[in-house]
Every structure is written in structure tokens, then in C-alpha cells.
Amino acid sequence: MTIRNLTQNTRIAGQAVRADTFLKRMQGLLGRASLATGEALVIAPCRSVHMLFMRFSIDVVFLDWSSRVVGLCADLQPFSFSPVFWKSACAIELPAGTIKKTNIRVGDNLSIK
């Protein structure tokens, strides 16, 4: 799947994978050593994430049901927790630095196809 920021007309990730079952959401990125530039994991449904037992930092973008950005967590460190974003329908986990590099802002409208 590809993730685009429709508000800014930019590409965020070209190799996104969906985790939309209990088992896929539970595994998430556990066991991976890194997340390469252009990769993403879309977790749905999701209002918060944890970094327990993770080996690397990530950026997380939270979207509501209309694919509007409702929360951002840049450089979320291993063994930490994101805030809960009550209006979130899904979370997009990205390599650390992606939020800054692609200038994602709260209120932006994203496309996941």
C-alpha cells in the first residue's frame, strides 16, 4: 500500500502493510531490527501504541475515521508509551524522523491505498 498526504501532496510511504487482525496488531513490529525508509505499518483499530520490547525508535501518526491526522508522536523510544488519542481509528508506524522529514501536521488528510 502507499500512504500519501493529500493536504501537502506528498508521499509518506510506498511499502505500507496493514495489521488489522488481533494477531497482526499484537505482533506489530516486534522482532524486527528496523523499519526502512518508505516502509510503514498501519494498525487498525488503534488509539495508542506501546514500545515494549522494541529495539528501535519510530514515528507514529494517528488518524480518525475520515483519515485526518489527530495525533503525532515523533521519535517514540523503545519501552515507552504513546498518549491515547480518543478520536483515533488507526495508527501508522513509520521510521523515526518521517514526521519531520515529510512535514506531517495535525489536521492533514492522508490517503492509504
Protein backbone atom coordinates (compact mmCIF):
# COMPACT_ATOMS: atom_id res chain seq x y z
CA MET A 1 0.00 0.00 0.00
CA THR A 2 1.01 3.62 -0.46
CA ILE A 3 0.41 6.42 2.06
CA ARG A 4 0.09 9.97 0.75
CA ASN A 5 -0.51 13.29 2.45
CA LEU A 6 -3.32 14.77 0.35
CA THR A 7 -3.13 18.12 2.12
CA GLN A 8 0.50 18.66 1.15
CA ASN A 9 0.56 16.41 -1.95
CA THR A 10 3.50 14.35 -0.66
CA ARG A 11 4.25 10.63 -0.44
CA ILE A 12 4.87 9.33 3.08
CA ALA A 13 5.40 5.60 2.46
CA GLY A 14 5.40 3.33 -0.56
CA GLN A 15 5.56 0.00 1.24
CA ALA A 16 2.84 0.00 3.87
CA VAL A 17 1.40 -3.15 5.40
CA ARG A 18 -1.90 -3.39 7.28
CA ALA A 19 -2.21 -5.01 10.72
CA ASP A 20 -5.96 -5.33 11.14
CA THR A 21 -6.40 -8.63 12.97
CA PHE A 22 -5.82 -9.31 16.64
CA LEU A 23 -2.68 -11.37 15.99
CA LYS A 24 -1.18 -8.94 13.46
CA ARG A 25 -1.84 -5.97 15.77
CA MET A 26 -0.35 -7.84 18.73
CA GLN A 27 2.84 -8.68 16.82
CA GLY A 28 3.21 -5.26 15.19
CA LEU A 29 6.89 -4.55 14.63
CA LEU A 30 8.11 -6.88 17.38
CA GLY A 31 11.06 -8.97 16.30
CA ARG A 32 12.18 -6.53 13.64
CA ALA A 33 15.56 -4.81 13.87
CA SER A 34 14.45 -1.69 11.96
CA LEU A 35 11.89 -0.06 9.72
CA ALA A 36 13.36 1.10 6.41
CA THR A 37 12.65 4.43 4.73
CA GLY A 38 9.40 4.10 2.80
CA GLU A 39 8.04 1.29 5.00
CA ALA A 40 5.04 1.65 7.31
CA LEU A 41 2.73 -0.45 9.44
CA VAL A 42 -0.94 0.61 9.55
CA ILE A 43 -2.61 -0.66 12.73
CA ALA A 44 -6.41 -0.61 12.83
CA PRO A 45 -8.22 -0.10 15.07
CA CYS A 46 -5.74 1.74 17.29
CA ARG A 47 -5.87 4.65 19.76
CA SER A 48 -2.40 4.28 21.30
CA VAL A 49 0.76 2.21 20.91
CA HIS A 50 3.38 0.81 23.25
CA MET A 51 7.05 0.23 22.54
CA LEU A 52 7.59 -2.65 24.99
CA PHE A 53 10.38 -4.97 23.79
CA MET A 54 11.04 -2.84 20.69
CA ARG A 55 14.64 -2.38 19.55
CA PHE A 56 14.34 0.92 17.67
CA SER A 57 12.51 4.27 17.73
CA ILE A 58 9.60 5.08 15.43
CA ASP A 59 7.26 7.93 14.49
CA VAL A 60 3.52 7.31 14.87
CA VAL A 61 0.71 9.16 13.10
CA PHE A 62 -2.85 8.70 14.41
CA LEU A 63 -5.81 9.10 12.03
CA ASP A 64 -9.53 9.43 12.65
CA TRP A 65 -12.22 7.62 10.62
CA SER A 66 -12.03 10.29 7.89
CA SER A 67 -8.22 9.82 7.55
CA ARG A 68 -7.46 13.17 9.17
CA VAL A 69 -4.37 13.35 11.42
CA VAL A 70 -5.48 13.66 15.05
CA GLY A 71 -2.17 12.92 16.79
CA LEU A 72 1.57 12.73 16.23
CA CYS A 73 4.32 11.02 18.21
CA ALA A 74 7.78 11.74 16.86
CA ASP A 75 10.76 9.57 17.84
CA LEU A 76 8.86 7.27 20.20
CA GLN A 77 11.58 5.39 22.10
CA PRO A 78 11.72 1.67 22.99
CA PHE A 79 9.90 0.75 26.23
CA SER A 80 7.72 3.88 26.13
CA PHE A 81 4.01 4.53 25.54
CA SER A 82 2.19 6.97 23.28
CA PRO A 83 -0.62 9.12 24.63
CA VAL A 84 -4.15 7.84 23.98
CA PHE A 85 -5.81 9.62 21.07
CA TRP A 86 -9.51 9.00 21.72
CA LYS A 87 -10.61 10.12 18.23
CA SER A 88 -8.11 7.83 16.50
CA ALA A 89 -9.25 4.99 14.25
CA CYS A 90 -5.78 3.81 13.22
CA ALA A 91 -2.09 4.38 13.78
CA ILE A 92 0.64 4.49 11.17
CA GLU A 93 4.07 3.43 12.42
CA LEU A 94 6.91 4.95 10.41
CA PRO A 95 10.70 5.15 10.62
CA ALA A 96 11.86 7.74 13.18
CA GLY A 97 12.26 11.14 11.53
CA THR A 98 9.48 10.66 8.95
CA ILE A 99 7.10 13.15 10.59
CA LYS A 100 9.71 15.91 10.45
CA LYS A 101 11.04 14.92 7.02
CA THR A 102 7.58 14.88 5.39
CA ASN A 103 6.19 17.78 7.47
CA ILE A 104 3.06 15.92 8.63
CA ARG A 105 0.78 18.14 10.72
CA VAL A 106 -2.33 17.57 12.83
CA GLY A 107 -5.32 18.23 10.55
CA ASP A 108 -3.65 16.91 7.38
CA ASN A 109 -5.71 14.45 5.32
CA LEU A 110 -3.94 11.21 4.38
CA SER A 111 -4.72 8.52 1.81
CA ILE A 112 -3.90 4.84 2.37
CA LYS A 113 -4.29 2.72 -0.79
